[in-house]
Every structure is written in structure tokens, then in C-alpha cells.
PDB file of N, CA and C in Angstrom:
ATOM      1  N   MET A   1     -12.636 -15.679   5.008  1.00  0.00           N
ATOM      2  CA  MET A   1     -12.694 -14.017   4.863  1.00  0.00           C
ATOM      3  C   MET A   1     -13.535 -13.694   3.925  1.00  0.00           C
ATOM      4  N   ASN A   2     -13.911 -12.770   3.894  1.00  0.00           N
ATOM      5  CA  ASN A   2     -14.406 -11.915   2.666  1.00  0.00           C
ATOM      6  C   ASN A   2     -13.127 -10.797   2.202  1.00  0.00           C
ATOM      7  N   PRO A   3     -12.885 -10.723   0.671  1.00  0.00           N
ATOM      8  CA  PRO A   3     -12.083  -9.692   0.255  1.00  0.00           C
ATOM      9  C   PRO A   3     -12.357  -8.067   0.605  1.00  0.00           C
ATOM     10  N   ARG A   4     -10.671  -7.623   0.859  1.00  0.00           N
ATOM     11  CA  ARG A   4     -10.895  -6.552   1.496  1.00  0.00           C
ATOM     12  C   ARG A   4      -9.361  -5.687   1.251  1.00  0.00           C
ATOM     13  N   GLU A   5      -9.760  -4.486   0.702  1.00  0.00           N
ATOM     14  CA  GLU A   5      -8.555  -3.776   0.870  1.00  0.00           C
ATOM     15  C   GLU A   5      -7.695  -2.905   2.601  1.00  0.00           C
ATOM     16  N   VAL A   6      -6.449  -3.747   2.252  1.00  0.00           N
ATOM     17  CA  VAL A   6      -5.727  -3.463   3.173  1.00  0.00           C
ATOM     18  C   VAL A   6      -4.911  -2.281   2.759  1.00  0.00           C
ATOM     19  N   CYS A   7      -3.860  -1.496   4.194  1.00  0.00           N
ATOM     20  CA  CYS A   7      -2.569  -0.820   3.631  1.00  0.00           C
ATOM     21  C   CYS A   7      -1.938  -1.195   4.612  1.00  0.00           C
ATOM     22  N   LEU A   8      -0.605  -1.291   4.143  1.00  0.00           N
ATOM     23  CA  LEU A   8       0.943  -1.412   5.588  1.00  0.00           C
ATOM     24  C   LEU A   8       1.631  -0.110   5.045  1.00  0.00           C
ATOM     25  N   LEU A   9       2.196   0.174   5.976  1.00  0.00           N
ATOM     26  CA  LEU A   9       2.939   1.069   6.319  1.00  0.00           C
ATOM     27  C   LEU A   9       4.404   0.324   6.319  1.00  0.00           C
ATOM     28  N   ILE A  10       5.251   0.040   5.469  1.00  0.00           N
ATOM     29  CA  ILE A  10       6.063  -0.757   5.226  1.00  0.00           C
ATOM     30  C   ILE A  10       7.802   0.277   5.583  1.00  0.00           C
ATOM     31  N   GLY A  11       8.515  -0.119   6.330  1.00  0.00           N
ATOM     32  CA  GLY A  11       9.884   0.512   6.942  1.00  0.00           C
ATOM     33  C   GLY A  11      11.081   0.002   6.358  1.00  0.00           C
ATOM     34  N   ARG A  12      12.191   0.851   6.937  1.00  0.00           N
ATOM     35  CA  ARG A  12      13.895   0.841   5.874  1.00  0.00           C
ATOM     36  C   ARG A  12      14.091  -0.933   6.054  1.00  0.00           C
ATOM     37  N   GLU A  13      13.868  -1.735   6.981  1.00  0.00           N
ATOM     38  CA  GLU A  13      13.928  -3.256   6.590  1.00  0.00           C
ATOM     39  C   GLU A  13      13.346  -3.991   5.977  1.00  0.00           C
ATOM     40  N   GLY A  14      11.994  -3.496   5.352  1.00  0.00           N
ATOM     41  CA  GLY A  14      10.692  -4.522   5.260  1.00  0.00           C
ATOM     42  C   GLY A  14       9.999  -5.018   5.991  1.00  0.00           C
ATOM     43  N   GLU A  15       9.945  -3.966   7.045  1.00  0.00           N
ATOM     44  CA  GLU A  15       9.204  -4.637   8.492  1.00  0.00           C
ATOM     45  C   GLU A  15       7.446  -3.801   8.520  1.00  0.00           C
ATOM     46  N   VAL A  16       7.050  -4.506   8.591  1.00  0.00           N
ATOM     47  CA  VAL A  16       5.143  -3.443   8.712  1.00  0.00           C
ATOM     48  C   VAL A  16       5.107  -2.598  10.143  1.00  0.00           C
ATOM     49  N   LEU A  17       5.129  -1.631   9.550  1.00  0.00           N
ATOM     50  CA  LEU A  17       5.191  -0.550  10.668  1.00  0.00           C
ATOM     51  C   LEU A  17       4.216  -0.323  11.357  1.00  0.00           C
ATOM     52  N   TRP A  18       2.553  -0.580  10.051  1.00  0.00           N
ATOM     53  CA  TRP A  18       1.312  -0.114  10.784  1.00  0.00           C
ATOM     54  C   TRP A  18       0.565  -0.896   9.541  1.00  0.00           C
ATOM     55  N   SER A  19      -0.493  -1.089   9.912  1.00  0.00           N
ATOM     56  CA  SER A  19      -1.521  -1.361   9.345  1.00  0.00           C
ATOM     57  C   SER A  19      -2.957  -1.201   9.475  1.00  0.00           C
ATOM     58  N   ASP A  20      -4.000  -1.566   8.189  1.00  0.00           N
ATOM     59  CA  ASP A  20      -5.494  -0.870   8.922  1.00  0.00           C
ATOM     60  C   ASP A  20      -6.286  -1.562   7.538  1.00  0.00           C
ATOM     61  N   ALA A  21      -7.200  -1.716   7.206  1.00  0.00           N
ATOM     62  CA  ALA A  21      -7.898  -2.062   6.908  1.00  0.00           C
ATOM     63  C   ALA A  21      -9.570  -1.705   6.412  1.00  0.00           C
ATOM     64  N   SER A  22     -10.153  -1.787   5.517  1.00  0.00           N
ATOM     65  CA  SER A  22     -11.429  -1.725   5.351  1.00  0.00           C
ATOM     66  C   SER A  22     -12.687  -2.880   5.002  1.00  0.00           C
ATOM     67  N   ASP A  23     -13.799  -2.396   5.173  1.00  0.00           N
ATOM     68  CA  ASP A  23     -14.721  -3.022   4.819  1.00  0.00           C
ATOM     69  C   ASP A  23     -15.097  -3.591   3.435  1.00  0.00           C
ATOM     70  N   SER A  24     -14.431  -3.180   2.815  1.00  0.00           N
ATOM     71  CA  SER A  24     -14.562  -3.006   1.275  1.00  0.00           C
ATOM     72  C   SER A  24     -13.197  -4.247   0.132  1.00  0.00           C
ATOM     73  N   ALA A  25     -13.586  -4.486  -0.600  1.00  0.00           N
ATOM     74  CA  ALA A  25     -13.078  -5.329  -1.421  1.00  0.00           C
ATOM     75  C   ALA A  25     -12.183  -4.150  -2.510  1.00  0.00           C
ATOM     76  N   VAL A  26     -13.186  -3.107  -2.928  1.00  0.00           N
ATOM     77  CA  VAL A  26     -12.507  -2.267  -4.084  1.00  0.00           C
ATOM     78  C   VAL A  26     -12.636  -0.921  -3.394  1.00  0.00           C
ATOM     79  N   SER A  27     -12.382  -0.492  -2.031  1.00  0.00           N
ATOM     80  CA  SER A  27     -12.095   0.604  -1.731  1.00  0.00           C
ATOM     81  C   SER A  27     -11.476   0.708  -0.156  1.00  0.00           C
ATOM     82  N   LEU A  28     -10.578   1.752  -0.105  1.00  0.00           N
ATOM     83  CA  LEU A  28     -10.441   2.194   1.194  1.00  0.00           C
ATOM     84  C   LEU A  28     -10.239   3.456   1.442  1.00  0.00           C
ATOM     85  N   PRO A  29     -11.601   3.587   2.194  1.00  0.00           N
ATOM     86  CA  PRO A  29     -11.668   5.265   2.418  1.00  0.00           C
ATOM     87  C   PRO A  29     -10.559   5.643   3.129  1.00  0.00           C
ATOM     88  N   ASP A  30     -10.600   7.210   3.021  1.00  0.00           N
ATOM     89  CA  ASP A  30      -9.484   7.963   3.554  1.00  0.00           C
ATOM     90  C   ASP A  30      -9.913   7.617   5.195  1.00  0.00           C
ATOM     91  N   SER A  31      -8.650   7.890   5.624  1.00  0.00           N
ATOM     92  CA  SER A  31      -8.706   7.287   7.434  1.00  0.00           C
ATOM     93  C   SER A  31      -7.509   8.506   8.091  1.00  0.00           C
ATOM     94  N   ARG A  32      -8.490   9.101   9.217  1.00  0.00           N
ATOM     95  CA  ARG A  32      -7.596  10.271  10.139  1.00  0.00           C
ATOM     96  C   ARG A  32      -6.446   8.998  10.605  1.00  0.00           C
ATOM     97  N   ALA A  33      -7.056   8.098  11.547  1.00  0.00           N
ATOM     98  CA  ALA A  33      -6.076   7.048  11.860  1.00  0.00           C
ATOM     99  C   ALA A  33      -4.504   6.731  11.044  1.00  0.00           C
ATOM    100  N   ARG A  34      -4.590   6.819   9.687  1.00  0.00           N
ATOM    101  CA  ARG A  34      -3.978   6.174   8.906  1.00  0.00           C
ATOM    102  C   ARG A  34      -3.214   7.610   8.356  1.00  0.00           C
ATOM    103  N   TRP A  35      -3.575   8.650   8.169  1.00  0.00           N
ATOM    104  CA  TRP A  35      -2.914   9.495   8.742  1.00  0.00           C
ATOM    105  C   TRP A  35      -2.072   9.571   9.353  1.00  0.00           C
ATOM    106  N   GLU A  36      -2.486  10.078  10.251  1.00  0.00           N
ATOM    107  CA  GLU A  36      -1.656   9.998  11.603  1.00  0.00           C
ATOM    108  C   GLU A  36      -0.667   9.255  12.253  1.00  0.00           C
ATOM    109  N   ALA A  37      -0.770   8.017  11.757  1.00  0.00           N
ATOM    110  CA  ALA A  37       0.348   6.966  11.498  1.00  0.00           C
ATOM    111  C   ALA A  37       1.212   7.209  10.670  1.00  0.00           C
ATOM    112  N   LEU A  38       1.016   7.639   9.574  1.00  0.00           N
ATOM    113  CA  LEU A  38       1.760   8.309   8.651  1.00  0.00           C
ATOM    114  C   LEU A  38       2.992   9.209   9.067  1.00  0.00           C
ATOM    115  N   TRP A  39       1.789  10.205   9.633  1.00  0.00           N
ATOM    116  CA  TRP A  39       2.990  11.073  10.130  1.00  0.00           C
ATOM    117  C   TRP A  39       3.984  11.198  11.106  1.00  0.00           C
ATOM    118  N   ARG A  40       3.271  10.210  12.118  1.00  0.00           N
ATOM    119  CA  ARG A  40       3.992   9.607  13.675  1.00  0.00           C
ATOM    120  C   ARG A  40       4.847   9.006  13.096  1.00  0.00           C
ATOM    121  N   LEU A  41       4.840   8.045  12.180  1.00  0.00           N
ATOM    122  CA  LEU A  41       5.968   7.612  11.318  1.00  0.00           C
ATOM    123  C   LEU A  41       6.930   7.814  10.084  1.00  0.00           C
ATOM    124  N   ARG A  42       6.588   9.299   9.879  1.00  0.00           N
ATOM    125  CA  ARG A  42       7.301   9.449   8.571  1.00  0.00           C
ATOM    126  C   ARG A  42       8.462   9.305   8.505  1.00  0.00           C
ATOM    127  N   GLY A  43       9.216   9.230   9.372  1.00  0.00           N
ATOM    128  CA  GLY A  43      10.980   8.931   9.547  1.00  0.00           C
ATOM    129  C   GLY A  43      11.592   7.776   9.229  1.00  0.00           C
ATOM    130  N   GLU A  44      10.415   6.946   9.376  1.00  0.00           N
ATOM    131  CA  GLU A  44      10.918   5.285   9.412  1.00  0.00           C
ATOM    132  C   GLU A  44      10.301   4.660   8.184  1.00  0.00           C
ATOM    133  N   VAL A  45       9.044   5.503   7.317  1.00  0.00           N
ATOM    134  CA  VAL A  45       8.300   4.721   6.569  1.00  0.00           C
ATOM    135  C   VAL A  45       9.048   5.101   4.837  1.00  0.00           C
ATOM    136  N   GLU A  46       8.975   3.787   4.403  1.00  0.00           N
ATOM    137  CA  GLU A  46      10.410   3.952   3.052  1.00  0.00           C
ATOM    138  C   GLU A  46       9.235   3.009   1.712  1.00  0.00           C
ATOM    139  N   GLU A  47       8.132   3.009   2.295  1.00  0.00           N
ATOM    140  CA  GLU A  47       6.994   1.851   1.174  1.00  0.00           C
ATOM    141  C   GLU A  47       5.430   1.995   2.220  1.00  0.00           C
ATOM    142  N   ILE A  48       4.698   2.468   0.765  1.00  0.00           N
ATOM    143  CA  ILE A  48       3.367   2.277   1.639  1.00  0.00           C
ATOM    144  C   ILE A  48       2.304   1.539   0.575  1.00  0.00           C
ATOM    145  N   ALA A  49       1.882   0.193   0.911  1.00  0.00           N
ATOM    146  CA  ALA A  49       1.550  -0.709   0.464  1.00  0.00           C
ATOM    147  C   ALA A  49      -0.197  -0.917   0.602  1.00  0.00           C
ATOM    148  N   HIS A  50      -0.827  -1.367  -0.525  1.00  0.00           N
ATOM    149  CA  HIS A  50      -2.137  -1.255  -0.423  1.00  0.00           C
ATOM    150  C   HIS A  50      -2.552  -2.409  -1.330  1.00  0.00           C
ATOM    151  N   SER A  51      -3.575  -3.409  -1.187  1.00  0.00           N
ATOM    152  CA  SER A  51      -3.926  -4.065  -1.730  1.00  0.00           C
ATOM    153  C   SER A  51      -5.743  -4.009  -3.119  1.00  0.00           C
ATOM    154  N   HIS A  52      -5.207  -4.833  -3.727  1.00  0.00           N
ATOM    155  CA  HIS A  52      -6.515  -4.688  -4.353  1.00  0.00           C
ATOM    156  C   HIS A  52      -6.931  -6.405  -5.063  1.00  0.00           C
ATOM    157  N   PRO A  53      -7.551  -6.305  -4.019  1.00  0.00           N
ATOM    158  CA  PRO A  53      -7.885  -8.087  -3.788  1.00  0.00           C
ATOM    159  C   PRO A  53      -8.594  -8.561  -5.007  1.00  0.00           C
ATOM    160  N   LEU A  54      -9.331  -8.032  -5.856  1.00  0.00           N
ATOM    161  CA  LEU A  54     -10.365  -8.304  -6.921  1.00  0.00           C
ATOM    162  C   LEU A  54      -9.407  -7.803  -8.246  1.00  0.00           C
ATOM    163  N   GLY A  55      -8.296  -7.109  -7.752  1.00  0.00           N
ATOM    164  CA  GLY A  55      -7.707  -6.419  -9.052  1.00  0.00           C
ATOM    165  C   GLY A  55      -8.181  -4.888  -9.548  1.00  0.00           C
ATOM    166  N   PRO A  56      -7.755  -4.191 -10.165  1.00  0.00           N
ATOM    167  CA  PRO A  56      -6.614  -4.779 -11.246  1.00  0.00           C
ATOM    168  C   PRO A  56      -5.302  -4.480 -10.549  1.00  0.00           C
ATOM    169  N   LEU A  57      -4.242  -5.194 -11.034  1.00  0.00           N
ATOM    170  CA  LEU A  57      -2.610  -4.657 -10.606  1.00  0.00           C
ATOM    171  C   LEU A  57      -2.522  -3.351 -11.641  1.00  0.00           C
ATOM    172  N   ALA A  58      -3.415  -2.585 -10.900  1.00  0.00           N
ATOM    173  CA  ALA A  58      -2.952  -1.129 -11.249  1.00  0.00           C
ATOM    174  C   ALA A  58      -3.363  -0.143 -10.386  1.00  0.00           C
ATOM    175  N   PHE A  59      -2.597   1.022 -10.514  1.00  0.00           N
ATOM    176  CA  PHE A  59      -3.051   2.107  -9.523  1.00  0.00           C
ATOM    177  C   PHE A  59      -4.536   2.757  -9.977  1.00  0.00           C
ATOM    178  N   SER A  60      -5.391   3.335  -9.125  1.00  0.00           N
ATOM    179  CA  SER A  60      -6.650   4.113  -9.512  1.00  0.00           C
ATOM    180  C   SER A  60      -6.279   5.366  -9.433  1.00  0.00           C
ATOM    181  N   ALA A  61      -7.368   5.952 -10.029  1.00  0.00           N
ATOM    182  CA  ALA A  61      -7.207   7.588 -10.096  1.00  0.00           C
ATOM    183  C   ALA A  61      -7.498   8.342  -8.541  1.00  0.00           C
ATOM    184  N   GLU A  62      -8.074   7.675  -7.683  1.00  0.00           N
ATOM    185  CA  GLU A  62      -8.063   7.897  -6.679  1.00  0.00           C
ATOM    186  C   GLU A  62      -6.445   7.488  -5.861  1.00  0.00           C
ATOM    187  N   ASP A  63      -5.902   6.548  -5.904  1.00  0.00           N
ATOM    188  CA  ASP A  63      -4.287   6.128  -5.614  1.00  0.00           C
ATOM    189  C   ASP A  63      -3.567   7.341  -6.079  1.00  0.00           C
ATOM    190  N   GLU A  64      -3.894   7.561  -7.267  1.00  0.00           N
ATOM    191  CA  GLU A  64      -2.957   9.016  -8.172  1.00  0.00           C
ATOM    192  C   GLU A  64      -2.719   9.854  -7.313  1.00  0.00           C
ATOM    193  N   THR A  65      -4.431  10.635  -6.858  1.00  0.00           N
ATOM    194  CA  THR A  65      -4.010  11.892  -5.697  1.00  0.00           C
ATOM    195  C   THR A  65      -3.674  11.494  -4.441  1.00  0.00           C
ATOM    196  N   THR A  66      -4.189  10.481  -4.015  1.00  0.00           N
ATOM    197  CA  THR A  66      -3.545  10.113  -2.743  1.00  0.00           C
ATOM    198  C   THR A  66      -2.467  10.362  -2.651  1.00  0.00           C
ATOM    199  N   MET A  67      -1.436   9.592  -3.261  1.00  0.00           N
ATOM    200  CA  MET A  67      -0.344   9.345  -3.570  1.00  0.00           C
ATOM    201  C   MET A  67       0.695  10.756  -3.587  1.00  0.00           C
ATOM    202  N   GLU A  68      -0.148  11.540  -4.541  1.00  0.00           N
ATOM    203  CA  GLU A  68       0.372  13.099  -4.544  1.00  0.00           C
ATOM    204  C   GLU A  68       0.461  13.292  -3.270  1.00  0.00           C
ATOM    205  N   ALA A  69      -0.850  13.426  -2.968  1.00  0.00           N
ATOM    206  CA  ALA A  69      -0.507  13.881  -1.573  1.00  0.00           C
ATOM    207  C   ALA A  69      -0.083  13.690  -0.350  1.00  0.00           C
ATOM    208  N   ILE A  70       0.423  12.582  -0.590  1.00  0.00           N
ATOM    209  CA  ILE A  70       1.382  11.728   0.714  1.00  0.00           C
ATOM    210  C   ILE A  70       3.312  12.419   0.406  1.00  0.00           C
ATOM    211  N   LEU A  71       3.169  12.479  -1.381  1.00  0.00           N
ATOM    212  CA  LEU A  71       4.276  13.017  -1.139  1.00  0.00           C
ATOM    213  C   LEU A  71       4.924  14.441  -1.259  1.00  0.00           C
ATOM    214  N   LEU A  72       3.723  15.253  -1.303  1.00  0.00           N
ATOM    215  CA  LEU A  72       3.570  16.934  -0.561  1.00  0.00           C
ATOM    216  C   LEU A  72       3.764  16.649   0.481  1.00  0.00           C
ATOM    217  N   ALA A  73       2.856  16.210   1.761  1.00  0.00           N
ATOM    218  CA  ALA A  73       2.967  16.046   2.836  1.00  0.00           C
ATOM    219  C   ALA A  73       4.234  15.770   3.443  1.00  0.00           C
ATOM    220  N   LEU A  74       4.668  14.547   3.236  1.00  0.00           N
ATOM    221  CA  LEU A  74       6.344  13.937   3.373  1.00  0.00           C
ATOM    222  C   LEU A  74       7.065  14.859   3.024  1.00  0.00           C
ATOM    223  N   GLY A  75       7.332  15.921   2.204  1.00  0.00           N
ATOM    224  CA  GLY A  75       8.304  16.553   1.642  1.00  0.00           C
ATOM    225  C   GLY A  75       9.798  15.828   0.936  1.00  0.00           C
ATOM    226  N   ARG A  76       9.422  14.191   0.515  1.00  0.00           N
ATOM    227  CA  ARG A  76      10.437  12.996   0.142  1.00  0.00           C
ATOM    228  C   ARG A  76       9.710  11.815  -0.216  1.00  0.00           C
ATOM    229  N   PRO A  77      10.646  11.509  -1.487  1.00  0.00           N
ATOM    230  CA  PRO A  77      10.301  10.442  -1.945  1.00  0.00           C
ATOM    231  C   PRO A  77       9.527   9.160  -1.039  1.00  0.00           C
ATOM    232  N   VAL A  78       8.731   8.560  -1.262  1.00  0.00           N
ATOM    233  CA  VAL A  78       8.586   7.295  -1.025  1.00  0.00           C
ATOM    234  C   VAL A  78       7.860   5.938  -1.691  1.00  0.00           C
ATOM    235  N   ARG A  79       8.542   4.781  -1.578  1.00  0.00           N
ATOM    236  CA  ARG A  79       7.804   4.001  -2.660  1.00  0.00           C
ATOM    237  C   ARG A  79       6.185   3.541  -2.228  1.00  0.00           C
ATOM    238  N   PHE A  80       5.371   3.427  -3.623  1.00  0.00           N
ATOM    239  CA  PHE A  80       4.054   2.802  -3.480  1.00  0.00           C
ATOM    240  C   PHE A  80       3.909   1.358  -4.002  1.00  0.00           C
ATOM    241  N   SER A  81       3.228   0.566  -3.637  1.00  0.00           N
ATOM    242  CA  SER A  81       3.014  -0.754  -4.339  1.00  0.00           C
ATOM    243  C   SER A  81       1.627  -1.152  -3.719  1.00  0.00           C
ATOM    244  N   VAL A  82       0.961  -1.732  -4.765  1.00  0.00           N
ATOM    245  CA  VAL A  82      -0.265  -2.126  -5.167  1.00  0.00           C
ATOM    246  C   VAL A  82      -0.024  -3.789  -5.358  1.00  0.00           C
ATOM    247  N   VAL A  83      -0.562  -4.703  -4.509  1.00  0.00           N
ATOM    248  CA  VAL A  83      -0.941  -6.151  -4.579  1.00  0.00           C
ATOM    249  C   VAL A  83      -1.996  -6.670  -4.837  1.00  0.00           C
ATOM    250  N   ALA A  84      -2.128  -7.213  -6.154  1.00  0.00           N
ATOM    251  CA  ALA A  84      -3.565  -8.048  -6.479  1.00  0.00           C
ATOM    252  C   ALA A  84      -3.488  -9.591  -6.523  1.00  0.00           C
ATOM    253  N   PRO A  85      -4.225 -10.025  -7.027  1.00  0.00           N
ATOM    254  CA  PRO A  85      -3.863 -11.507  -6.686  1.00  0.00           C
ATOM    255  C   PRO A  85      -2.871 -12.492  -7.765  1.00  0.00           C
ATOM    256  N   ASP A  86      -2.508 -11.199  -8.895  1.00  0.00           N
ATOM    257  CA  ASP A  86      -1.624 -11.780  -9.976  1.00  0.00           C
ATOM    258  C   ASP A  86      -0.254 -11.059  -9.929  1.00  0.00           C
ATOM    259  N   GLY A  87      -0.118 -10.323  -8.663  1.00  0.00           N
ATOM    260  CA  GLY A  87       1.335  -9.664  -8.847  1.00  0.00           C
ATOM    261  C   GLY A  87       1.076  -8.517  -7.713  1.00  0.00           C
ATOM    262  N   THR A  88       2.358  -7.774  -7.828  1.00  0.00           N
ATOM    263  CA  THR A  88       2.720  -6.746  -7.415  1.00  0.00           C
ATOM    264  C   THR A  88       3.660  -5.746  -8.296  1.00  0.00           C
ATOM    265  N   LEU A  89       2.462  -4.314  -8.021  1.00  0.00           N
ATOM    266  CA  LEU A  89       3.250  -3.389  -9.048  1.00  0.00           C
ATOM    267  C   LEU A  89       3.807  -2.161  -8.011  1.00  0.00           C
ATOM    268  N   LEU A  90       5.150  -2.338  -8.480  1.00  0.00           N
ATOM    269  CA  LEU A  90       5.506  -0.815  -7.463  1.00  0.00           C
ATOM    270  C   LEU A  90       6.184   0.378  -8.220  1.00  0.00           C
ATOM    271  N   ARG A  91       6.061   1.859  -7.646  1.00  0.00           N
ATOM    272  CA  ARG A  91       5.976   2.350  -8.116  1.00  0.00           C
ATOM    273  C   ARG A  91       7.056   3.326  -7.135  1.00  0.00           C
ATOM    274  N   ALA A  92       8.215   3.987  -7.769  1.00  0.00           N
ATOM    275  CA  ALA A  92       9.444   4.601  -7.229  1.00  0.00           C
ATOM    276  C   ALA A  92       9.840   5.516  -8.328  1.00  0.00           C
ATOM    277  N   ASP A  93      10.627   6.975  -7.626  1.00  0.00           N
ATOM    278  CA  ASP A  93      10.892   7.236  -8.341  1.00  0.00           C
ATOM    279  C   ASP A  93      10.029   7.948  -9.735  1.00  0.00           C
ATOM    280  N   GLY A  94       9.024   8.029  -9.808  1.00  0.00           N
ATOM    281  CA  GLY A  94       8.274   8.212 -11.023  1.00  0.00           C
ATOM    282  C   GLY A  94       8.214   7.224 -12.251  1.00  0.00           C
ATOM    283  N   ARG A  95       8.765   5.860 -11.622  1.00  0.00           N
ATOM    284  CA  ARG A  95       8.912   4.383 -12.749  1.00  0.00           C
ATOM    285  C   ARG A  95       8.020   3.285 -11.659  1.00  0.00           C
ATOM    286  N   GLU A  96       7.421   2.651 -12.459  1.00  0.00           N
ATOM    287  CA  GLU A  96       6.427   1.529 -12.371  1.00  0.00           C
ATOM    288  C   GLU A  96       6.998   0.350 -12.612  1.00  0.00           C
ATOM    289  N   ALA A  97       7.341  -0.651 -12.067  1.00  0.00           N
ATOM    290  CA  ALA A  97       7.307  -2.455 -12.445  1.00  0.00           C
ATOM    291  C   ALA A  97       6.542  -3.400 -11.795  1.00  0.00           C
ATOM    292  N   ARG A  98       6.381  -4.202 -12.083  1.00  0.00           N
ATOM    293  CA  ARG A  98       5.632  -5.472 -11.735  1.00  0.00           C
ATOM    294  C   ARG A  98       6.941  -6.300 -11.134  1.00  0.00           C
ATOM    295  N   LEU A  99       6.897  -6.463 -10.090  1.00  0.00           N
ATOM    296  CA  LEU A  99       7.776  -7.638  -9.204  1.00  0.00           C
ATOM    297  C   LEU A  99       8.233  -8.197  -9.975  1.00  0.00           C
ATOM    298  N   ALA A 100       9.517  -8.661 -10.355  1.00  0.00           N
ATOM    299  CA  ALA A 100       9.682 -10.254 -10.455  1.00  0.00           C
ATOM    300  C   ALA A 100       9.457 -11.216  -9.112  1.00  0.00           C
ATOM    301  N   GLN A 101       9.900 -10.346  -8.174  1.00  0.00           N
ATOM    302  CA  GLN A 101      10.110 -11.327  -6.743  1.00  0.00           C
ATOM    303  C   GLN A 101       9.931 -10.168  -5.889  1.00  0.00           C
ATOM    304  N   GLU A 102       8.745 -10.536  -5.283  1.00  0.00           N
ATOM    305  CA  GLU A 102       7.844 -10.177  -4.184  1.00  0.00           C
ATOM    306  C   GLU A 102       8.516 -10.071  -3.019  1.00  0.00           C
ATOM    307  N   PRO A 103       8.472  -9.140  -1.820  1.00  0.00           N
ATOM    308  CA  PRO A 103       9.468  -9.330  -0.534  1.00  0.00           C
ATOM    309  C   PRO A 103       8.224 -10.005   0.564  1.00  0.00           C
ATOM    310  N   PRO A 104       8.681 -10.185   1.431  1.00  0.00           N
ATOM    311  CA  PRO A 104       8.367 -11.351   2.120  1.00  0.00           C
ATOM    312  C   PRO A 104       6.838 -10.981   2.977  1.00  0.00           C
ATOM    313  N   TRP A 105       6.444  -9.372   3.229  1.00  0.00           N
ATOM    314  CA  TRP A 105       5.506  -8.806   3.618  1.00  0.00           C
ATOM    315  C   TRP A 105       3.753  -8.868   2.566  1.00  0.00           C
ATOM    316  N   VAL A 106       4.394  -9.338   1.498  1.00  0.00           N
ATOM    317  CA  VAL A 106       3.250  -9.368   0.615  1.00  0.00           C
ATOM    318  C   VAL A 106       2.061 -10.602   0.862  1.00  0.00           C
ATOM    319  N   ALA A 107       2.931 -11.730   1.357  1.00  0.00           N
ATOM    320  CA  ALA A 107       2.078 -12.413   1.728  1.00  0.00           C
ATOM    321  C   ALA A 107       1.154 -12.165   2.711  1.00  0.00           C
ATOM    322  N   LEU A 108       1.743 -11.513   3.551  1.00  0.00           N
ATOM    323  CA  LEU A 108       0.987 -11.475   4.616  1.00  0.00           C
ATOM    324  C   LEU A 108       0.105 -10.268   4.341  1.00  0.00           C
ATOM    325  N   LEU A 109      -0.165  -9.528   3.400  1.00  0.00           N
ATOM    326  CA  LEU A 109      -1.324  -8.873   2.465  1.00  0.00           C
ATOM    327  C   LEU A 109      -1.959  -9.192   2.044  1.00  0.00           C
ATOM    328  N   ARG A 110      -2.278 -10.180   1.138  1.00  0.00           N
ATOM    329  CA  ARG A 110      -2.508 -11.086   0.947  1.00  0.00           C
ATOM    330  C   ARG A 110      -3.753 -11.805   1.222  1.00  0.00           C
ATOM    331  N   ALA A 111      -2.961 -12.013   2.415  1.00  0.00           N
ATOM    332  CA  ALA A 111      -3.666 -12.962   3.686  1.00  0.00           C
ATOM    333  C   ALA A 111      -4.866 -11.967   4.279  1.00  0.00           C
ATOM    334  N   ARG A 112      -4.442 -10.766   4.732  1.00  0.00           N
ATOM    335  CA  ARG A 112      -5.114  -9.885   5.373  1.00  0.00           C
ATOM    336  C   ARG A 112      -6.371  -9.179   4.782  1.00  0.00           C
ATOM    337  N   SER A 113      -5.876  -9.388   3.059  1.00  0.00           N
ATOM    338  CA  SER A 113      -6.896  -8.931   2.112  1.00  0.00           C
ATOM    339  C   SER A 113      -7.825  -9.911   1.729  1.00  0.00           C
ATOM    340  N   GLY A 114      -7.354 -11.402   2.141  1.00  0.00           N
ATOM    341  CA  GLY A 114      -8.883 -12.547   2.205  1.00  0.00           C
ATOM    342  C   GLY A 114      -8.424 -13.321   0.364  1.00  0.00           C
ATOM    343  N   MET A 115      -7.107 -12.698  -0.147  1.00  0.00           N
ATOM    344  CA  MET A 115      -6.829 -13.255  -1.389  1.00  0.00           C
ATOM    345  C   MET A 115      -6.566 -14.464  -1.418  1.00  0.00           C
ATOM    346  N   THR A 116      -7.122 -15.484  -2.272  1.00  0.00           N
ATOM    347  CA  THR A 116      -6.666 -16.748  -2.119  1.00  0.00           C
ATOM    348  C   THR A 116      -5.608 -16.945  -3.403  1.00  0.00           C
TER     349      THR A 116
END
């Protein structure tokens, strides 16, 4: 499988509520279906994760503007994660941390992203 960016909406118990993927390893274009899923699941979503299958382990400038729009739309805090081959970065309450122990859904995200 070719590497591609994937997005997961994660629920309170760490369950994957919804996912989608791009055809690109370096971008995840905006999607009406993703926004509709986020709005439909807004009461259940606790975390929004996406992959950078080729790296870096960092939020991009586009990620920053998207996260800001999501927080404004939801009117409440959610966590954001970016998963790369060498780790997972979590942003919650304005703070970032590289996770020492990754949640189970990270393996699924890496597999769907074509990371080895």
C-alpha cells in the first residue's frame, strides 16, 4: 500500500468512531464528509487524530488552522494527535507532548496509512 494520510475521530473510550483517507502521503484535503461526521458525532468525539506517514512528527500550519476551526465549531476542547512513523504527538489544553505509551488505535492508523 502506498503511504497516505488518514484521519480518525476517536470517542471517549478510545474507540474509532469514523475514519477517512486521502490519496496523498503529504496532505489530507478538506472534506465535507469529514466535517459532517464531526458535527454528527460532536457529542462523542474526544480526539481527532491524523497521520503524517512520511513525517514529520509535528502539526503543520494547515493542521493549526484546521484545529482552530474545529475548536470554534465545537465550542469545547478536544484532543488532537498526529501520528508519524517515529511517534505520536498529542495536543490537549494548549500543551503538546510526545506519547511514551501509544493508545491501541495508533497501530490501526499506521496500518491504514501504509506506514511500516
